[in-house]
Amino acid sequence: LAAFYHDSLDITDKDHREITAHRLISK
């Protein structure tokens, strides 16, 4: 999935962490 959603992989960015958490639970 990191190859498909590499637009939000900055782990220092709080918004990126939120987006990724939602994506994982959703998908």
PDB file of all heavy atoms in Angstrom:
ATOM      1  N   LEU A   1       0.826  -1.218   0.000  1.00  0.00           N
ATOM      2  CA  LEU A   1       0.000   0.000   0.000  1.00  0.00           C
ATOM      3  C   LEU A   1       0.858   1.265   0.000  1.00  0.00           C
ATOM      4  O   LEU A   1       0.427   2.318  -0.495  1.00  0.00           O
ATOM      5  CB  LEU A   1      -0.943   0.014   1.214  1.00  0.00           C
ATOM      6  CG  LEU A   1      -2.086  -1.001   1.216  1.00  0.00           C
ATOM      7  CD1 LEU A   1      -2.885  -0.890   2.512  1.00  0.00           C
ATOM      8  CD2 LEU A   1      -3.007  -0.795   0.013  1.00  0.00           C
ATOM      9  N   ALA A   2       2.060   1.151   0.543  1.00  0.00           N
ATOM     10  CA  ALA A   2       2.959   2.310   0.549  1.00  0.00           C
ATOM     11  C   ALA A   2       3.309   2.759  -0.858  1.00  0.00           C
ATOM     12  O   ALA A   2       3.632   3.932  -1.087  1.00  0.00           O
ATOM     13  CB  ALA A   2       4.234   1.977   1.327  1.00  0.00           C
ATOM     14  N   ALA A   3       3.249   1.834  -1.814  1.00  0.00           N
ATOM     15  CA  ALA A   3       3.546   2.183  -3.203  1.00  0.00           C
ATOM     16  C   ALA A   3       2.374   2.894  -3.870  1.00  0.00           C
ATOM     17  O   ALA A   3       2.547   3.576  -4.878  1.00  0.00           O
ATOM     18  CB  ALA A   3       3.901   0.919  -3.997  1.00  0.00           C
ATOM     19  N   PHE A   4       1.182   2.740  -3.309  1.00  0.00           N
ATOM     20  CA  PHE A   4      -0.014   3.354  -3.882  1.00  0.00           C
ATOM     21  C   PHE A   4      -0.400   4.650  -3.175  1.00  0.00           C
ATOM     22  O   PHE A   4      -1.021   5.525  -3.769  1.00  0.00           O
ATOM     23  CB  PHE A   4      -1.188   2.367  -3.812  1.00  0.00           C
ATOM     24  CG  PHE A   4      -1.009   1.164  -4.694  1.00  0.00           C
ATOM     25  CD1 PHE A   4      -0.385   0.026  -4.225  1.00  0.00           C
ATOM     26  CD2 PHE A   4      -1.454   1.179  -6.009  1.00  0.00           C
ATOM     27  CE1 PHE A   4      -0.213  -1.082  -5.037  1.00  0.00           C
ATOM     28  CE2 PHE A   4      -1.292   0.078  -6.835  1.00  0.00           C
ATOM     29  CZ  PHE A   4      -0.671  -1.057  -6.351  1.00  0.00           C
ATOM     30  N   TYR A   5      -0.056   4.757  -1.898  1.00  0.00           N
ATOM     31  CA  TYR A   5      -0.454   5.935  -1.115  1.00  0.00           C
ATOM     32  C   TYR A   5       0.781   6.618  -0.530  1.00  0.00           C
ATOM     33  O   TYR A   5       0.849   6.909   0.665  1.00  0.00           O
ATOM     34  CB  TYR A   5      -1.432   5.510  -0.013  1.00  0.00           C
ATOM     35  CG  TYR A   5      -2.649   4.805  -0.551  1.00  0.00           C
ATOM     36  CD1 TYR A   5      -2.832   3.433  -0.378  1.00  0.00           C
ATOM     37  CD2 TYR A   5      -3.611   5.507  -1.278  1.00  0.00           C
ATOM     38  CE1 TYR A   5      -3.947   2.783  -0.894  1.00  0.00           C
ATOM     39  CE2 TYR A   5      -4.727   4.866  -1.792  1.00  0.00           C
ATOM     40  CZ  TYR A   5      -4.880   3.503  -1.603  1.00  0.00           C
ATOM     41  OH  TYR A   5      -5.984   2.872  -2.126  1.00  0.00           O
ATOM     42  N   HIS A   6       1.768   6.872  -1.406  1.00  0.00           N
ATOM     43  CA  HIS A   6       3.013   7.477  -0.948  1.00  0.00           C
ATOM     44  C   HIS A   6       2.909   8.987  -0.781  1.00  0.00           C
ATOM     45  O   HIS A   6       3.902   9.649  -0.483  1.00  0.00           O
ATOM     46  CB  HIS A   6       4.159   7.132  -1.909  1.00  0.00           C
ATOM     47  CG  HIS A   6       3.843   7.375  -3.355  1.00  0.00           C
ATOM     48  ND1 HIS A   6       3.801   8.627  -3.904  1.00  0.00           N
ATOM     49  CD2 HIS A   6       3.542   6.506  -4.351  1.00  0.00           C
ATOM     50  CE1 HIS A   6       3.488   8.538  -5.182  1.00  0.00           C
ATOM     51  NE2 HIS A   6       3.314   7.258  -5.487  1.00  0.00           N
ATOM     52  N   ASP A   7       1.706   9.536  -0.967  1.00  0.00           N
ATOM     53  CA  ASP A   7       1.511  10.979  -0.828  1.00  0.00           C
ATOM     54  C   ASP A   7       1.401  11.410   0.638  1.00  0.00           C
ATOM     55  O   ASP A   7       1.377  12.601   0.933  1.00  0.00           O
ATOM     56  CB  ASP A   7       0.243  11.411  -1.569  1.00  0.00           C
ATOM     57  CG  ASP A   7      -1.002  10.714  -1.042  1.00  0.00           C
ATOM     58  OD1 ASP A   7      -0.893   9.537  -0.628  1.00  0.00           O
ATOM     59  OD2 ASP A   7      -2.085  11.341  -1.046  1.00  0.00           O
ATOM     60  N   SER A   8       1.307  10.432   1.552  1.00  0.00           N
ATOM     61  CA  SER A   8       1.095  10.802   2.964  1.00  0.00           C
ATOM     62  C   SER A   8       1.912   9.905   3.886  1.00  0.00           C
ATOM     63  O   SER A   8       1.395   9.362   4.860  1.00  0.00           O
ATOM     64  CB  SER A   8      -0.392  10.689   3.315  1.00  0.00           C
ATOM     65  OG  SER A   8      -0.890   9.401   2.972  1.00  0.00           O
ATOM     66  N   LEU A   9       3.200   9.764   3.584  1.00  0.00           N
ATOM     67  CA  LEU A   9       4.058   8.875   4.366  1.00  0.00           C
ATOM     68  C   LEU A   9       5.060   9.611   5.248  1.00  0.00           C
ATOM     69  O   LEU A   9       5.987   9.001   5.779  1.00  0.00           O
ATOM     70  CB  LEU A   9       4.819   7.927   3.425  1.00  0.00           C
ATOM     71  CG  LEU A   9       3.966   6.912   2.656  1.00  0.00           C
ATOM     72  CD1 LEU A   9       4.856   6.016   1.798  1.00  0.00           C
ATOM     73  CD2 LEU A   9       3.139   6.065   3.606  1.00  0.00           C
ATOM     74  N   ASP A  10       4.870  10.907   5.420  1.00  0.00           N
ATOM     75  CA  ASP A  10       5.749  11.674   6.305  1.00  0.00           C
ATOM     76  C   ASP A  10       5.292  11.445   7.741  1.00  0.00           C
ATOM     77  O   ASP A  10       4.310  12.035   8.194  1.00  0.00           O
ATOM     78  CB  ASP A  10       5.693  13.160   5.954  1.00  0.00           C
ATOM     79  CG  ASP A  10       6.628  14.003   6.814  1.00  0.00           C
ATOM     80  OD1 ASP A  10       7.285  13.432   7.713  1.00  0.00           O
ATOM     81  OD2 ASP A  10       6.687  15.224   6.599  1.00  0.00           O
ATOM     82  N   ILE A  11       6.001  10.575   8.457  1.00  0.00           N
ATOM     83  CA  ILE A  11       5.540  10.196   9.792  1.00  0.00           C
ATOM     84  C   ILE A  11       5.673  11.336  10.802  1.00  0.00           C
ATOM     85  O   ILE A  11       5.104  11.264  11.893  1.00  0.00           O
ATOM     86  CB  ILE A  11       6.282   8.950  10.310  1.00  0.00           C
ATOM     87  CG1 ILE A  11       7.765   9.238  10.520  1.00  0.00           C
ATOM     88  CG2 ILE A  11       6.080   7.774   9.372  1.00  0.00           C
ATOM     89  CD1 ILE A  11       8.513   8.101  11.214  1.00  0.00           C
ATOM     90  N   THR A  12       6.406  12.394  10.453  1.00  0.00           N
ATOM     91  CA  THR A  12       6.509  13.561  11.348  1.00  0.00           C
ATOM     92  C   THR A  12       5.331  14.506  11.178  1.00  0.00           C
ATOM     93  O   THR A  12       5.178  15.434  11.958  1.00  0.00           O
ATOM     94  CB  THR A  12       7.815  14.326  11.092  1.00  0.00           C
ATOM     95  OG1 THR A  12       7.791  14.899   9.768  1.00  0.00           O
ATOM     96  CG2 THR A  12       9.024  13.410  11.211  1.00  0.00           C
ATOM     97  N   ASP A  13       4.519  14.286  10.169  1.00  0.00           N
ATOM     98  CA  ASP A  13       3.365  15.134   9.883  1.00  0.00           C
ATOM     99  C   ASP A  13       2.114  14.527  10.525  1.00  0.00           C
ATOM    100  O   ASP A  13       1.696  13.424  10.157  1.00  0.00           O
ATOM    101  CB  ASP A  13       3.178  15.261   8.371  1.00  0.00           C
ATOM    102  CG  ASP A  13       2.111  16.275   7.985  1.00  0.00           C
ATOM    103  OD1 ASP A  13       1.015  16.242   8.576  1.00  0.00           O
ATOM    104  OD2 ASP A  13       2.378  17.092   7.083  1.00  0.00           O
ATOM    105  N   LYS A  14       1.517  15.225  11.473  1.00  0.00           N
ATOM    106  CA  LYS A  14       0.347  14.708  12.194  1.00  0.00           C
ATOM    107  C   LYS A  14      -0.801  14.406  11.256  1.00  0.00           C
ATOM    108  O   LYS A  14      -1.501  13.390  11.406  1.00  0.00           O
ATOM    109  CB  LYS A  14      -0.103  15.723  13.255  1.00  0.00           C
ATOM    110  CG  LYS A  14      -1.275  15.236  14.102  1.00  0.00           C
ATOM    111  CD  LYS A  14      -1.651  16.256  15.155  1.00  0.00           C
ATOM    112  CE  LYS A  14      -2.836  15.761  15.979  1.00  0.00           C
ATOM    113  NZ  LYS A  14      -3.250  16.759  17.012  1.00  0.00           N
ATOM    114  N   ASP A  15      -1.016  15.253  10.253  1.00  0.00           N
ATOM    115  CA  ASP A  15      -2.109  15.014   9.297  1.00  0.00           C
ATOM    116  C   ASP A  15      -1.863  13.751   8.480  1.00  0.00           C
ATOM    117  O   ASP A  15      -2.807  12.998   8.194  1.00  0.00           O
ATOM    118  CB  ASP A  15      -2.268  16.221   8.368  1.00  0.00           C
ATOM    119  CG  ASP A  15      -2.805  17.446   9.091  1.00  0.00           C
ATOM    120  OD1 ASP A  15      -3.463  17.281  10.140  1.00  0.00           O
ATOM    121  OD2 ASP A  15      -2.571  18.570   8.612  1.00  0.00           O
ATOM    122  N   HIS A  16      -0.630  13.519   8.114  1.00  0.00           N
ATOM    123  CA  HIS A  16      -0.298  12.297   7.374  1.00  0.00           C
ATOM    124  C   HIS A  16      -0.570  11.058   8.224  1.00  0.00           C
ATOM    125  O   HIS A  16      -1.056  10.039   7.713  1.00  0.00           O
ATOM    126  CB  HIS A  16       1.168  12.314   6.941  1.00  0.00           C
ATOM    127  CG  HIS A  16       1.428  13.183   5.753  1.00  0.00           C
ATOM    128  ND1 HIS A  16       2.524  13.014   4.918  1.00  0.00           N
ATOM    129  CD2 HIS A  16       0.737  14.234   5.237  1.00  0.00           C
ATOM    130  CE1 HIS A  16       2.493  13.920   3.950  1.00  0.00           C
ATOM    131  NE2 HIS A  16       1.419  14.677   4.138  1.00  0.00           N
ATOM    132  N   ARG A  17      -0.247  11.147   9.512  1.00  0.00           N
ATOM    133  CA  ARG A  17      -0.498  10.014  10.404  1.00  0.00           C
ATOM    134  C   ARG A  17      -1.997   9.733  10.507  1.00  0.00           C
ATOM    135  O   ARG A  17      -2.420   8.567  10.527  1.00  0.00           O
ATOM    136  CB  ARG A  17       0.101  10.274  11.789  1.00  0.00           C
ATOM    137  CG  ARG A  17       1.624  10.420  11.782  1.00  0.00           C
ATOM    138  CD  ARG A  17       2.220  10.238  13.165  1.00  0.00           C
ATOM    139  NE  ARG A  17       1.816  11.242  14.130  1.00  0.00           N
ATOM    140  CZ  ARG A  17       2.488  12.364  14.375  1.00  0.00           C
ATOM    141  NH1 ARG A  17       3.609  12.622  13.687  1.00  0.00           N
ATOM    142  NH2 ARG A  17       2.066  13.210  15.288  1.00  0.00           N
ATOM    143  N   GLU A  18      -2.797  10.791  10.556  1.00  0.00           N
ATOM    144  CA  GLU A  18      -4.253  10.625  10.628  1.00  0.00           C
ATOM    145  C   GLU A  18      -4.788   9.980   9.348  1.00  0.00           C
ATOM    146  O   GLU A  18      -5.592   9.039   9.401  1.00  0.00           O
ATOM    147  CB  GLU A  18      -4.927  11.993  10.828  1.00  0.00           C
ATOM    148  CG  GLU A  18      -4.712  12.603  12.202  1.00  0.00           C
ATOM    149  CD  GLU A  18      -5.392  11.809  13.290  1.00  0.00           C
ATOM    150  OE1 GLU A  18      -6.623  11.626  13.223  1.00  0.00           O
ATOM    151  OE2 GLU A  18      -4.681  11.330  14.190  1.00  0.00           O
ATOM    152  N   ILE A  19      -4.355  10.491   8.226  1.00  0.00           N
ATOM    153  CA  ILE A  19      -4.822   9.971   6.935  1.00  0.00           C
ATOM    154  C   ILE A  19      -4.501   8.488   6.803  1.00  0.00           C
ATOM    155  O   ILE A  19      -5.340   7.679   6.388  1.00  0.00           O
ATOM    156  CB  ILE A  19      -4.189  10.769   5.773  1.00  0.00           C
ATOM    157  CG1 ILE A  19      -4.746  12.200   5.739  1.00  0.00           C
ATOM    158  CG2 ILE A  19      -4.433  10.075   4.430  1.00  0.00           C
ATOM    159  CD1 ILE A  19      -3.990  13.124   4.801  1.00  0.00           C
ATOM    160  N   THR A  20      -3.280   8.127   7.179  1.00  0.00           N
ATOM    161  CA  THR A  20      -2.861   6.735   7.052  1.00  0.00           C
ATOM    162  C   THR A  20      -3.646   5.835   7.994  1.00  0.00           C
ATOM    163  O   THR A  20      -4.036   4.720   7.621  1.00  0.00           O
ATOM    164  CB  THR A  20      -1.355   6.602   7.328  1.00  0.00           C
ATOM    165  OG1 THR A  20      -0.635   7.443   6.413  1.00  0.00           O
ATOM    166  CG2 THR A  20      -0.899   5.172   7.150  1.00  0.00           C
ATOM    167  N   ALA A  21      -3.898   6.289   9.211  1.00  0.00           N
ATOM    168  CA  ALA A  21      -4.691   5.504  10.160  1.00  0.00           C
ATOM    169  C   ALA A  21      -6.079   5.236   9.598  1.00  0.00           C
ATOM    170  O   ALA A  21      -6.587   4.111   9.649  1.00  0.00           O
ATOM    171  CB  ALA A  21      -4.784   6.232  11.498  1.00  0.00           C
ATOM    172  N   HIS A  22      -6.700   6.266   9.045  1.00  0.00           N
ATOM    173  CA  HIS A  22      -8.036   6.114   8.462  1.00  0.00           C
ATOM    174  C   HIS A  22      -7.999   5.178   7.252  1.00  0.00           C
ATOM    175  O   HIS A  22      -8.902   4.348   7.065  1.00  0.00           O
ATOM    176  CB  HIS A  22      -8.596   7.475   8.076  1.00  0.00           C
ATOM    177  CG  HIS A  22      -8.854   8.366   9.252  1.00  0.00           C
ATOM    178  ND1 HIS A  22      -9.040   9.721   9.145  1.00  0.00           N
ATOM    179  CD2 HIS A  22      -8.945   8.092  10.581  1.00  0.00           C
ATOM    180  CE1 HIS A  22      -9.242  10.252  10.338  1.00  0.00           C
ATOM    181  NE2 HIS A  22      -9.177   9.276  11.223  1.00  0.00           N
ATOM    182  N   ARG A  23      -6.980   5.323   6.441  1.00  0.00           N
ATOM    183  CA  ARG A  23      -6.875   4.469   5.249  1.00  0.00           C
ATOM    184  C   ARG A  23      -6.759   2.990   5.632  1.00  0.00           C
ATOM    185  O   ARG A  23      -7.396   2.125   5.034  1.00  0.00           O
ATOM    186  CB  ARG A  23      -5.662   4.879   4.406  1.00  0.00           C
ATOM    187  CG  ARG A  23      -5.926   6.045   3.484  1.00  0.00           C
ATOM    188  CD  ARG A  23      -4.687   6.444   2.704  1.00  0.00           C
ATOM    189  NE  ARG A  23      -5.023   7.433   1.668  1.00  0.00           N
ATOM    190  CZ  ARG A  23      -4.148   8.226   1.080  1.00  0.00           C
ATOM    191  NH1 ARG A  23      -2.864   8.175   1.422  1.00  0.00           N
ATOM    192  NH2 ARG A  23      -4.539   9.079   0.158  1.00  0.00           N
ATOM    193  N   LEU A  24      -5.943   2.716   6.614  1.00  0.00           N
ATOM    194  CA  LEU A  24      -5.747   1.323   7.004  1.00  0.00           C
ATOM    195  C   LEU A  24      -7.029   0.707   7.552  1.00  0.00           C
ATOM    196  O   LEU A  24      -7.408  -0.401   7.178  1.00  0.00           O
ATOM    197  CB  LEU A  24      -4.615   1.225   8.032  1.00  0.00           C
ATOM    198  CG  LEU A  24      -3.209   1.206   7.431  1.00  0.00           C
ATOM    199  CD1 LEU A  24      -2.161   1.577   8.463  1.00  0.00           C
ATOM    200  CD2 LEU A  24      -2.909  -0.169   6.844  1.00  0.00           C
ATOM    201  N   ILE A  25      -7.705   1.414   8.453  1.00  0.00           N
ATOM    202  CA  ILE A  25      -8.951   0.887   9.023  1.00  0.00           C
ATOM    203  C   ILE A  25     -10.014   0.744   7.941  1.00  0.00           C
ATOM    204  O   ILE A  25     -10.783  -0.219   7.933  1.00  0.00           O
ATOM    205  CB  ILE A  25      -9.436   1.799  10.175  1.00  0.00           C
ATOM    206  CG1 ILE A  25      -8.433   1.743  11.343  1.00  0.00           C
ATOM    207  CG2 ILE A  25     -10.824   1.373  10.652  1.00  0.00           C
ATOM    208  CD1 ILE A  25      -8.702   2.753  12.435  1.00  0.00           C
ATOM    209  N   SER A  26     -10.042   1.685   7.002  1.00  0.00           N
ATOM    210  CA  SER A  26     -11.036   1.657   5.920  1.00  0.00           C
ATOM    211  C   SER A  26     -10.817   0.492   4.968  1.00  0.00           C
ATOM    212  O   SER A  26     -11.769  -0.181   4.553  1.00  0.00           O
ATOM    213  CB  SER A  26     -10.988   2.960   5.115  1.00  0.00           C
ATOM    214  OG  SER A  26     -11.288   4.076   5.903  1.00  0.00           O
ATOM    215  N   LYS A  27      -9.572   0.263   4.599  1.00  0.00           N
ATOM    216  CA  LYS A  27      -9.283  -0.639   3.476  1.00  0.00           C
ATOM    217  C   LYS A  27      -8.982  -2.083   3.889  1.00  0.00           C
ATOM    218  O   LYS A  27      -9.001  -2.983   3.041  1.00  0.00           O
ATOM    219  CB  LYS A  27      -8.122  -0.063   2.649  1.00  0.00           C
ATOM    220  CG  LYS A  27      -8.465   1.317   2.072  1.00  0.00           C
ATOM    221  CD  LYS A  27      -7.347   1.919   1.280  1.00  0.00           C
ATOM    222  CE  LYS A  27      -7.622   3.389   0.968  1.00  0.00           C
ATOM    223  NZ  LYS A  27      -8.938   3.640   0.358  1.00  0.00           N
TER     224      LYS A  27
END
